[in-house]
Protein backbone atom coordinates (compact mmCIF):
# COMPACT_ATOMS: atom_id res chain seq x y z
CA MET A 1 84.53 84.72 121.89
CA ALA A 2 85.06 88.51 119.95
CA SER A 3 84.21 86.82 116.79
CA VAL A 4 80.97 85.34 117.74
CA TRP A 5 80.03 88.66 119.35
CA LYS A 6 80.51 90.55 115.86
CA ARG A 7 78.64 87.83 114.06
CA LEU A 8 75.39 88.68 116.75
CA GLN A 9 75.72 92.37 116.02
CA ARG A 10 75.33 92.13 112.56
CA VAL A 11 72.15 89.87 112.67
CA GLY A 12 69.89 91.66 110.52
CA LYS A 13 71.99 94.34 109.09
CA HIS A 14 72.97 94.33 105.25
CA ALA A 15 76.75 94.84 104.04
CA SER A 16 77.74 97.89 102.86
CA LYS A 17 80.01 98.50 99.41
CA PHE A 18 81.24 101.81 98.24
CA GLN A 19 84.27 102.60 96.52
CA PHE A 20 86.69 104.92 97.38
CA VAL A 21 88.81 106.36 94.80
CA ALA A 22 91.87 108.77 96.12
CA SER A 23 94.71 110.54 94.20
CA TYR A 24 97.94 111.93 95.35
CA GLN A 25 98.77 114.85 94.22
CA GLU A 26 100.98 116.74 96.95
CA LEU A 27 102.06 116.51 100.78
CA MET A 28 103.09 119.38 102.29
CA VAL A 29 104.87 117.80 105.79
CA GLU A 30 105.77 120.31 108.54
CA CYS A 31 108.50 118.76 110.80
CA THR A 32 110.40 119.73 114.06
CA LYS A 33 113.55 119.14 115.23
CA LYS A 34 113.19 115.71 117.45
CA TRP A 35 111.34 114.58 114.17
CA GLN A 36 112.47 114.60 110.53
CA PRO A 37 111.03 111.54 108.44
CA ASP A 38 113.61 109.91 105.77
CA LYS A 39 110.27 108.29 103.74
CA LEU A 40 106.70 108.77 104.00
CA VAL A 41 104.02 106.54 103.58
CA VAL A 42 99.58 107.10 103.31
CA VAL A 43 98.20 105.19 105.24
CA TRP A 44 94.05 104.01 104.88
CA THR A 45 92.89 102.25 107.68
CA ARG A 46 88.58 101.31 108.06
CA ARG A 47 87.94 98.75 110.62
CA SER A 48 90.73 95.64 110.22
CA ARG A 49 91.51 96.83 106.85
CA ARG A 50 94.57 99.26 105.94
CA LYS A 51 95.81 100.16 102.13
CA SER A 52 99.10 101.70 102.09
CA SER A 53 100.95 103.79 99.86
CA LYS A 54 104.50 103.29 98.54
CA ALA A 55 107.17 105.24 100.30
CA HIS A 56 108.32 108.45 98.90
CA SER A 57 111.28 110.43 99.91
CA TRP A 58 110.68 113.69 101.90
CA GLN A 59 113.08 117.09 100.93
CA PRO A 60 113.26 119.54 102.84
CA GLY A 61 112.78 123.07 101.78
CA ILE A 62 115.91 125.63 101.47
CA LYS A 63 114.00 128.12 103.35
CA ASN A 64 112.72 126.00 106.12
CA PRO A 65 114.61 122.88 106.71
CA TYR A 66 111.56 121.43 109.27
CA ARG A 67 109.24 121.34 106.07
CA GLY A 68 109.11 119.48 103.04
CA VAL A 69 107.02 118.45 100.02
CA VAL A 70 106.62 114.91 99.17
CA VAL A 71 105.05 114.70 95.16
CA TRP A 72 103.49 112.17 93.88
CA PRO A 73 104.20 111.98 89.69
CA VAL A 74 100.71 111.70 87.79
CA PRO A 75 100.15 108.06 86.29
CA GLU A 76 99.73 108.17 82.32
CA ASN A 77 96.76 107.10 81.37
């Protein structure tokens, strides 16, 4: 029944098409004593769609072991 309701809500509306480009460079993560990740994944969601990056390992810093940086390699063009 939910799919029928969604179709009725779309009556008279046009589909919107857009393209979104995101390039990851670096992500700084600050954790707590209770939670420290092993790997990190960035997930983009819109409605029922999901797009996720590959899992990258997280390395804690030397000065602050609860703060770490994930760096994505720059792609060769």
